[in-house]
Amino acid sequence: MELDYNAAIGYLFGLQKMGIKLGLENIRGVLESIGNPHEGLVVVHVGGSNGKGSTAAHLEAILLKAGVKVGLYTSPHLVRFTERIRVNRQEILEEEVVRWTRKILEACPHLLAQGGRESQVPITFFEFTTAMAFGYFVEKGVDVAIMEVGMGGRLDATNVCHPVVSVITSVSLEHQDYLGKTLVEIAREKAGIVKHGVPVISGVIHPVAQGVIRDACVQRGAPLYRLGREISAKGSPWDFNYQGIKRGFKKLKTSLRGKHQVRNAAMAIAAAEVLAARGFSLEERAVREGLEDVHWPGRQQYIQGPPAILLDGAHNPEAMRSLCSSLGKDYRYSRLRVLMGVMRDKDYLRMLKMIVPMAHELVFCKPNMERAEDPWVLQDKALALGARATVSETVEKGLEDLFLRASREDLICATGSLFVVGEALAYLEKKSLI
């Protein structure tokens, strides 16, 4: 089969027309066709509404410092597709994407027609890339594969795995068209990654959602370690103490910004404790050095100016609350100038009510995603809240406009969606600003 990288990526992105389809039948069929690679992996499964990517990145960093060969699968990517699948922080090579796309298509020839119009068994972009990640990690001989849930949990394509530990970072109202209208319904979907007898690390705060997670663990005989109960972490990102399942560490610091990262770091350490019980190393040195060397772009990523730039993919009210807290406490600037774009299925009115009082001006844009909300609609909502708001329809134009107006002491913050952050990163790289 003749295929180059552009053709492979074109096929994969063409699958996005299938939209979001929750269920495990298709992914199981594809994995069976390529030898069920997921069954041969030691997996840490990470789900939750917010913080799952940062938690996964913290765990990756700790394990790397311990000498563990680590595979990491996350979504979405910010700039390059290859960011989604990496081993020891090395992104999958373009030629490997081509080879695995070809391998899966040859094993499942019925999928080839889908790149055009129809298929007997439609598969989504996320299902295909999840199968690719499982196969690639086995081929590379990773010691541990950290798999981030795409959406929900129970019916997410990653949930075919048999993890040694599951992490549920948080539960909030999100993706209600797919996961349910209430917090209880969404928590049940998140709890779907709880497996019989497999330890669970939970950072869930809301009492109702906590109860759902607890009940799922009881029903499935899964040991539950809760942040704030069996696990604690107190302090700031640059100085916090951790007391976990069996281990405790004082005066830790994480390289990621924002007080919420203390919670994410704690859940990662707890997951590492579970792995240690299975024979993996957990030296204090690896914990300390790992936390100080976490790489996770687009999450309060600070770029020295002038003017300074902050990139944060806050995409729902919970994440926006964390961002606004950090903007009020952790950064110094004269005026805050915000570039914002959101997906239309998000509760962006609540997000705007948080960020509008802090911003000198807001510029709304539309990232290159079909699901993105019309920036003129966002402007209307912001103006009604008393904001100074304008529209620059693209992310690139919005940044250019803000650079023209910002003083050396101002802070430009791009937020509202990881898709906005990704396009902002691509622009800043093109301009050699990072």
Protein backbone atom coordinates (compact mmCIF):
# COMPACT_ATOMS: atom_id res chain seq x y z
CA MET A 1 0.00 0.00 0.00
CA GLU A 2 1.53 3.32 -1.10
CA LEU A 3 1.31 5.87 1.67
CA ASP A 4 3.37 8.86 2.75
CA TYR A 5 2.97 10.99 5.87
CA ASN A 6 0.67 13.55 4.29
CA ALA A 7 -1.58 10.80 2.96
CA ALA A 8 -1.60 9.01 6.32
CA ILE A 9 -2.47 12.17 8.22
CA GLY A 10 -5.05 13.05 5.59
CA TYR A 11 -6.70 9.66 6.12
CA LEU A 12 -6.61 9.98 9.90
CA PHE A 13 -8.01 13.50 10.01
CA GLY A 14 -10.59 12.41 7.47
CA LEU A 15 -11.93 10.09 10.14
CA GLN A 16 -12.92 13.11 12.19
CA LYS A 17 -16.03 13.32 10.04
CA MET A 18 -17.21 10.34 12.08
CA GLY A 19 -17.39 12.75 15.02
CA ILE A 20 -17.44 11.42 18.57
CA LYS A 21 -18.68 7.87 18.96
CA LEU A 22 -18.50 6.24 22.36
CA GLY A 23 -18.29 2.46 22.57
CA LEU A 24 -15.73 -0.34 22.66
CA GLU A 25 -16.86 -2.71 19.89
CA ASN A 26 -14.88 -1.12 17.06
CA ILE A 27 -11.64 -0.60 18.97
CA ARG A 28 -11.74 -4.19 20.20
CA GLY A 29 -12.18 -5.42 16.64
CA VAL A 30 -9.24 -3.40 15.36
CA LEU A 31 -7.00 -4.43 18.25
CA GLU A 32 -7.84 -8.08 17.72
CA SER A 33 -6.83 -7.74 14.08
CA ILE A 34 -3.37 -6.51 15.08
CA GLY A 35 -2.80 -9.04 17.86
CA ASN A 36 -4.39 -7.34 20.90
CA PRO A 37 -1.28 -5.37 21.83
CA HIS A 38 -3.03 -3.71 24.80
CA GLU A 39 -3.06 -7.03 26.64
CA GLY A 40 0.72 -7.05 26.91
CA LEU A 41 1.14 -3.64 28.52
CA VAL A 42 1.50 -2.39 32.09
CA VAL A 43 -0.97 0.49 31.93
CA VAL A 44 -1.74 3.49 34.12
CA HIS A 45 -5.16 4.74 33.05
CA VAL A 46 -5.81 8.43 33.71
CA GLY A 47 -9.26 10.01 33.40
CA GLY A 48 -11.11 13.04 34.73
CA SER A 49 -12.62 16.34 33.64
CA ASN A 50 -9.54 18.46 34.33
CA GLY A 51 -5.94 17.74 35.22
CA LYS A 52 -5.58 14.33 33.62
CA GLY A 53 -2.92 15.44 31.15
CA SER A 54 -0.91 17.29 33.80
CA THR A 55 -1.16 14.31 36.16
CA ALA A 56 0.03 11.99 33.39
CA ALA A 57 2.94 14.33 32.61
CA HIS A 58 3.97 14.43 36.29
CA LEU A 59 3.93 10.63 36.45
CA GLU A 60 5.90 10.36 33.21
CA ALA A 61 8.58 12.65 34.65
CA ILE A 62 8.87 10.68 37.90
CA LEU A 63 9.14 7.35 36.11
CA LEU A 64 11.73 8.66 33.67
CA LYS A 65 13.95 9.77 36.55
CA ALA A 66 13.53 6.28 38.01
CA GLY A 67 14.91 4.75 34.81
CA VAL A 68 11.56 3.41 33.58
CA LYS A 69 10.84 3.32 29.85
CA VAL A 70 7.56 5.23 29.57
CA GLY A 71 4.96 5.49 26.83
CA LEU A 72 2.55 8.43 27.04
CA TYR A 73 -0.67 8.75 25.03
CA THR A 74 -2.55 12.06 25.33
CA SER A 75 -4.98 14.23 23.40
CA PRO A 76 -5.50 16.61 21.79
CA HIS A 77 -2.20 17.57 20.23
CA LEU A 78 -1.26 21.24 20.22
CA VAL A 79 0.83 21.65 17.07
CA ARG A 80 1.81 18.23 15.67
CA PHE A 81 -0.11 14.98 15.51
CA THR A 82 3.02 13.16 16.68
CA GLU A 83 2.73 14.82 20.12
CA ARG A 84 -0.04 12.36 20.98
CA ILE A 85 2.18 9.29 21.13
CA ARG A 86 5.61 9.42 22.69
CA VAL A 87 8.15 7.15 24.35
CA ASN A 88 10.60 8.64 26.84
CA ARG A 89 9.44 12.06 25.65
CA GLN A 90 10.35 11.28 22.04
CA GLU A 91 7.39 11.79 19.74
CA ILE A 92 6.49 9.00 17.36
CA LEU A 93 8.34 9.55 14.07
CA GLU A 94 6.36 10.50 10.98
CA GLU A 95 7.52 7.31 9.22
CA GLU A 96 6.20 5.29 12.18
CA VAL A 97 2.81 6.99 11.85
CA VAL A 98 2.83 5.96 8.19
CA ARG A 99 3.87 2.39 8.98
CA TRP A 100 1.27 1.91 11.71
CA THR A 101 -1.48 3.48 9.61
CA ARG A 102 -0.60 1.07 6.82
CA LYS A 103 -0.37 -1.87 9.23
CA ILE A 104 -3.80 -1.25 10.71
CA LEU A 105 -5.40 -0.68 7.31
CA GLU A 106 -3.88 -3.87 5.92
CA ALA A 107 -5.13 -5.80 8.96
CA CYS A 108 -8.56 -4.17 8.65
CA PRO A 109 -9.12 -3.61 4.92
CA HIS A 110 -12.75 -2.66 5.49
CA LEU A 111 -11.48 0.60 7.05
CA LEU A 112 -9.75 1.76 3.88
CA ALA A 113 -12.98 2.69 2.16
CA GLN A 114 -13.85 4.83 5.15
CA GLY A 115 -11.15 7.31 4.23
CA GLY A 116 -13.41 8.00 1.28
CA ARG A 117 -17.10 7.67 2.06
CA GLU A 118 -18.42 4.59 3.73
CA SER A 119 -17.40 1.60 5.82
CA GLN A 120 -19.23 -1.37 7.22
CA VAL A 121 -17.67 -0.69 10.62
CA PRO A 122 -17.10 3.05 10.98
CA ILE A 123 -14.15 3.97 13.18
CA THR A 124 -13.31 7.34 14.62
CA PHE A 125 -10.06 9.26 14.56
CA PHE A 126 -9.58 8.66 18.29
CA GLU A 127 -10.23 4.92 18.04
CA PHE A 128 -7.70 4.53 15.25
CA THR A 129 -5.00 6.55 17.02
CA THR A 130 -5.62 4.66 20.28
CA ALA A 131 -5.00 1.37 18.48
CA MET A 132 -1.86 2.87 16.96
CA ALA A 133 -0.61 3.91 20.40
CA PHE A 134 -1.16 0.48 21.95
CA GLY A 135 0.67 -1.22 19.08
CA TYR A 136 3.53 1.26 19.05
CA PHE A 137 4.10 1.01 22.80
CA VAL A 138 4.33 -2.77 22.65
CA GLU A 139 6.70 -2.59 19.71
CA LYS A 140 8.94 -0.13 21.57
CA GLY A 141 8.98 -2.32 24.67
CA VAL A 142 7.81 0.30 27.15
CA ASP A 143 7.83 -0.70 30.82
CA VAL A 144 4.75 1.41 31.58
CA ALA A 145 2.16 2.94 29.23
CA ILE A 146 0.29 5.98 30.58
CA MET A 147 -3.02 6.20 28.71
CA GLU A 148 -5.10 9.37 29.00
CA VAL A 149 -8.85 8.99 28.55
CA GLY A 150 -10.22 10.96 25.60
CA MET A 151 -13.78 11.58 26.84
CA GLY A 152 -15.72 10.17 29.76
CA GLY A 153 -14.30 6.79 30.60
CA ARG A 154 -16.74 3.89 30.49
CA LEU A 155 -17.08 3.86 26.71
CA ASP A 156 -13.83 5.62 25.81
CA ALA A 157 -11.57 3.73 23.41
CA THR A 158 -8.75 3.61 25.98
CA ASN A 159 -10.99 1.63 28.35
CA VAL A 160 -10.16 -1.68 26.67
CA CYS A 161 -6.94 -1.67 28.70
CA HIS A 162 -6.30 -3.70 31.85
CA PRO A 163 -4.51 -1.16 34.06
CA VAL A 164 -2.50 -1.70 37.21
CA VAL A 165 -3.83 1.59 38.59
CA SER A 166 -6.59 3.97 37.52
CA VAL A 167 -6.60 7.71 38.25
CA ILE A 168 -9.71 9.92 38.23
CA THR A 169 -8.50 13.48 38.66
CA SER A 170 -11.79 15.42 38.88
CA VAL A 171 -15.42 15.43 37.82
CA SER A 172 -17.29 18.48 36.52
CA LEU A 173 -20.10 19.22 34.08
CA GLU A 174 -18.73 18.69 30.56
CA HIS A 175 -19.64 17.06 27.25
CA GLN A 176 -23.22 16.81 28.51
CA ASP A 177 -24.55 15.78 25.10
CA TYR A 178 -22.47 12.60 25.40
CA LEU A 179 -21.88 11.93 29.09
CA GLY A 180 -25.13 13.02 30.73
CA LYS A 181 -26.80 16.15 31.99
CA THR A 182 -26.01 15.82 35.69
CA LEU A 183 -22.87 15.49 37.78
CA VAL A 184 -24.01 12.04 38.91
CA GLU A 185 -24.37 10.82 35.33
CA ILE A 186 -20.97 12.22 34.34
CA ALA A 187 -19.34 10.74 37.45
CA ARG A 188 -20.73 7.32 36.52
CA GLU A 189 -19.09 7.60 33.12
CA LYS A 190 -15.77 8.59 34.72
CA ALA A 191 -16.12 5.70 37.19
CA GLY A 192 -16.38 3.36 34.21
CA ILE A 193 -12.58 3.06 34.20
CA VAL A 194 -12.66 1.43 37.66
CA LYS A 195 -11.72 -2.23 37.21
CA HIS A 196 -12.19 -5.20 39.54
CA GLY A 197 -9.44 -5.21 42.17
CA VAL A 198 -7.42 -2.43 40.51
CA PRO A 199 -6.38 0.44 42.84
CA VAL A 200 -7.94 3.84 42.14
CA ILE A 201 -6.44 7.26 42.89
CA SER A 202 -9.14 9.94 43.10
CA GLY A 203 -8.85 13.70 43.23
CA VAL A 204 -12.61 14.21 42.92
CA ILE A 205 -13.83 17.01 45.21
CA HIS A 206 -17.61 17.30 44.78
CA PRO A 207 -19.34 15.15 47.47
CA VAL A 208 -21.93 13.72 45.10
CA ALA A 209 -19.31 12.71 42.53
CA GLN A 210 -17.09 11.39 45.32
CA GLY A 211 -19.94 9.10 46.36
CA VAL A 212 -20.33 7.73 42.84
CA ILE A 213 -16.60 6.93 42.61
CA ARG A 214 -16.62 5.35 46.07
CA ASP A 215 -19.63 3.17 45.27
CA ALA A 216 -18.03 1.97 42.02
CA CYS A 217 -14.87 1.00 43.88
CA VAL A 218 -16.83 -0.88 46.54
CA GLN A 219 -18.85 -2.75 43.92
CA ARG A 220 -15.70 -3.79 42.05
CA GLY A 221 -13.46 -4.46 45.02
CA ALA A 222 -11.06 -1.72 43.95
CA PRO A 223 -8.88 -0.12 46.67
CA LEU A 224 -9.59 3.61 46.74
CA TYR A 225 -7.05 6.28 47.71
CA ARG A 226 -8.59 9.74 47.89
CA LEU A 227 -6.76 13.03 47.76
CA GLY A 228 -7.69 14.81 50.97
CA ARG A 229 -8.22 11.56 52.88
CA GLU A 230 -5.81 8.67 52.35
CA ILE A 231 -3.48 11.03 50.44
CA SER A 232 -2.65 14.64 51.27
CA ALA A 233 -0.64 17.41 49.65
CA LYS A 234 -0.32 20.84 51.21
CA GLY A 235 1.55 23.91 50.10
CA SER A 236 2.38 25.77 46.91
CA PRO A 237 3.78 24.46 43.61
CA TRP A 238 7.25 25.57 44.69
CA ASP A 239 7.06 24.11 48.24
CA PHE A 240 4.62 21.37 49.24
CA ASN A 241 4.51 18.29 51.44
CA TYR A 242 3.09 14.95 50.33
CA GLN A 243 1.79 12.17 52.53
CA GLY A 244 0.62 9.17 50.58
CA ILE A 245 -0.29 5.52 50.75
CA LYS A 246 2.95 4.47 52.43
CA ARG A 247 5.47 7.19 51.59
CA GLY A 248 5.83 10.83 52.51
CA PHE A 249 7.99 13.58 51.05
CA LYS A 250 8.60 17.13 52.26
CA LYS A 251 9.52 20.32 50.46
CA LEU A 252 8.67 19.15 46.96
CA LYS A 253 8.20 21.48 44.01
CA THR A 254 6.77 21.08 40.54
CA SER A 255 7.89 22.89 37.42
CA LEU A 256 4.26 23.49 36.39
CA ARG A 257 2.53 26.70 37.46
CA GLY A 258 -0.73 27.00 39.38
CA LYS A 259 -1.79 25.77 42.81
CA HIS A 260 -3.94 23.06 41.21
CA GLN A 261 -0.73 21.41 40.02
CA VAL A 262 0.01 20.40 43.61
CA ARG A 263 -3.04 18.13 43.44
CA ASN A 264 -2.00 16.74 40.07
CA ALA A 265 1.51 16.07 41.31
CA ALA A 266 0.14 14.29 44.40
CA MET A 267 -2.02 11.98 42.31
CA ALA A 268 0.98 11.16 40.13
CA ILE A 269 3.11 10.30 43.18
CA ALA A 270 0.29 8.10 44.53
CA ALA A 271 0.11 6.26 41.19
CA ALA A 272 3.88 5.80 41.35
CA GLU A 273 3.43 4.32 44.82
CA VAL A 274 1.05 1.71 43.40
CA LEU A 275 3.58 0.90 40.69
CA ALA A 276 6.29 0.59 43.36
CA ALA A 277 4.18 -2.07 45.07
CA ARG A 278 4.48 -4.03 41.81
CA GLY A 279 8.25 -3.84 41.79
CA PHE A 280 8.98 -0.49 40.13
CA SER A 281 11.50 1.82 41.76
CA LEU A 282 10.32 4.85 43.73
CA GLU A 283 13.39 6.55 45.10
CA GLU A 284 12.96 9.97 46.67
CA ARG A 285 15.47 11.36 44.19
CA ALA A 286 13.28 10.30 41.25
CA VAL A 287 10.23 11.96 42.80
CA ARG A 288 12.02 15.23 43.50
CA GLU A 289 13.91 15.47 40.22
CA GLY A 290 10.93 14.28 38.22
CA LEU A 291 8.53 16.88 39.61
CA GLU A 292 11.04 19.62 38.85
CA ASP A 293 11.36 18.45 35.24
CA VAL A 294 7.74 18.10 34.08
CA HIS A 295 7.15 19.10 30.44
CA TRP A 296 3.55 19.94 29.61
CA PRO A 297 3.08 22.82 27.16
CA GLY A 298 -0.06 24.92 27.05
CA ARG A 299 -0.91 24.63 30.73
CA GLN A 300 -0.02 27.98 32.27
CA GLN A 301 2.96 28.02 29.97
CA TYR A 302 4.74 31.30 30.65
CA ILE A 303 6.82 32.94 27.93
CA GLN A 304 9.06 35.77 29.02
CA GLY A 305 8.40 39.00 27.17
CA PRO A 306 8.17 41.77 26.87
CA PRO A 307 5.26 41.57 26.76
CA ALA A 308 4.95 38.30 28.66
CA ILE A 309 2.63 35.64 27.24
CA LEU A 310 0.66 33.02 29.15
CA LEU A 311 -0.83 30.05 27.32
CA ASP A 312 -3.45 28.03 29.17
CA GLY A 313 -6.02 25.66 27.71
CA ALA A 314 -8.69 26.36 30.35
CA HIS A 315 -11.72 24.96 28.56
CA ASN A 316 -14.43 24.79 31.22
CA PRO A 317 -15.44 26.70 34.37
CA GLU A 318 -13.35 24.58 36.73
CA ALA A 319 -10.20 25.12 34.67
CA MET A 320 -10.98 28.82 34.21
CA ARG A 321 -11.37 29.20 37.97
CA SER A 322 -7.88 27.78 38.46
CA LEU A 323 -6.45 30.08 35.80
CA CYS A 324 -8.09 33.18 37.29
CA SER A 325 -6.83 32.25 40.75
CA SER A 326 -3.29 32.06 39.40
CA LEU A 327 -3.66 35.30 37.45
CA GLY A 328 -4.65 37.04 40.67
CA LYS A 329 -1.86 35.59 42.83
CA ASP A 330 1.07 34.31 40.81
CA TYR A 331 1.72 36.82 38.04
CA ARG A 332 2.67 40.48 37.97
CA TYR A 333 1.55 42.68 35.12
CA SER A 334 0.14 46.09 34.35
CA ARG A 335 -2.83 45.07 32.20
CA LEU A 336 -4.22 41.68 31.31
CA ARG A 337 -5.07 41.28 27.64
CA VAL A 338 -6.94 38.06 26.84
CA LEU A 339 -7.24 36.17 23.55
CA MET A 340 -10.07 33.68 23.87
CA GLY A 341 -11.85 31.08 21.77
CA VAL A 342 -14.06 28.26 22.99
CA MET A 343 -15.97 25.25 21.74
CA ARG A 344 -19.69 25.89 21.48
CA ASP A 345 -20.59 22.99 23.78
CA LYS A 346 -18.76 24.57 26.73
CA ASP A 347 -20.32 26.64 29.52
CA TYR A 348 -18.53 29.72 28.28
CA LEU A 349 -20.88 32.21 29.96
CA ARG A 350 -19.65 31.05 33.38
CA MET A 351 -16.08 31.20 32.07
CA LEU A 352 -16.60 34.77 30.86
CA LYS A 353 -18.02 35.85 34.21
CA MET A 354 -14.72 34.82 35.79
CA ILE A 355 -12.25 36.30 33.32
CA VAL A 356 -14.06 39.54 32.31
CA PRO A 357 -13.52 41.36 35.65
CA MET A 358 -9.79 40.66 35.46
CA ALA A 359 -9.15 41.62 31.84
CA HIS A 360 -8.37 45.06 30.48
CA GLU A 361 -9.57 43.78 27.11
CA LEU A 362 -10.70 40.56 25.49
CA VAL A 363 -10.16 39.62 21.86
CA PHE A 364 -12.28 36.73 20.65
CA CYS A 365 -11.15 34.38 17.91
CA LYS A 366 -12.21 31.15 16.24
CA PRO A 367 -9.70 28.29 16.20
CA ASN A 368 -9.74 26.04 13.17
CA MET A 369 -12.29 23.61 14.58
CA GLU A 370 -15.81 22.96 13.39
CA ARG A 371 -17.04 22.87 17.00
CA ALA A 372 -15.68 26.36 17.77
CA GLU A 373 -18.17 29.02 18.83
CA ASP A 374 -18.69 32.09 16.67
CA PRO A 375 -16.43 34.85 18.13
CA TRP A 376 -19.13 37.44 17.48
CA VAL A 377 -21.44 35.52 19.80
CA LEU A 378 -18.74 35.53 22.46
CA GLN A 379 -18.22 39.25 22.00
CA ASP A 380 -21.95 39.91 22.54
CA LYS A 381 -21.90 37.91 25.78
CA ALA A 382 -18.78 39.70 27.01
CA LEU A 383 -20.12 43.17 26.16
CA ALA A 384 -23.24 42.40 28.17
CA LEU A 385 -20.95 41.71 31.12
CA GLY A 386 -19.29 45.11 30.74
CA ALA A 387 -16.14 43.94 28.98
CA ARG A 388 -14.02 45.80 26.49
CA ALA A 389 -14.26 43.19 23.70
CA THR A 390 -13.33 42.95 20.04
CA VAL A 391 -13.11 40.20 17.43
CA SER A 392 -10.10 39.01 15.42
CA GLU A 393 -11.45 35.97 13.70
CA THR A 394 -8.24 33.91 13.69
CA VAL A 395 -5.87 33.12 16.54
CA GLU A 396 -2.91 34.51 14.61
CA LYS A 397 -4.64 37.84 13.87
CA GLY A 398 -5.77 38.11 17.48
CA LEU A 399 -2.20 37.74 18.75
CA GLU A 400 -0.92 40.25 16.23
CA ASP A 401 -3.56 42.77 17.34
CA LEU A 402 -2.70 42.28 21.01
CA PHE A 403 1.05 42.63 20.39
CA LEU A 404 0.36 46.00 18.74
CA ARG A 405 -1.61 47.28 21.74
CA ALA A 406 0.26 45.72 24.66
CA SER A 407 2.87 47.59 26.67
CA ARG A 408 6.06 45.97 27.92
CA GLU A 409 4.50 45.46 31.36
CA ASP A 410 1.28 43.82 30.11
CA LEU A 411 0.43 40.12 30.10
CA ILE A 412 -1.17 38.51 27.03
CA CYS A 413 -3.11 35.38 27.91
CA ALA A 414 -4.40 32.96 25.25
CA THR A 415 -7.04 30.66 26.68
CA GLY A 416 -10.48 29.04 26.37
CA SER A 417 -9.40 25.91 24.51
CA LEU A 418 -6.33 23.80 23.85
CA PHE A 419 -7.07 24.37 20.17
CA VAL A 420 -6.52 28.12 20.69
CA VAL A 421 -3.31 27.37 22.60
CA GLY A 422 -2.08 25.03 19.86
CA GLU A 423 -2.55 27.62 17.14
CA ALA A 424 -0.95 30.26 19.37
CA LEU A 425 2.08 28.01 19.91
CA ALA A 426 2.39 27.41 16.17
CA TYR A 427 2.32 31.17 15.54
CA LEU A 428 4.88 31.91 18.27
CA GLU A 429 7.19 29.19 16.93
CA LYS A 430 6.87 30.60 13.42
CA LYS A 431 7.85 34.04 14.75
CA SER A 432 10.74 32.53 16.75
CA LEU A 433 9.26 33.88 19.98
CA ILE A 434 9.71 30.52 21.73
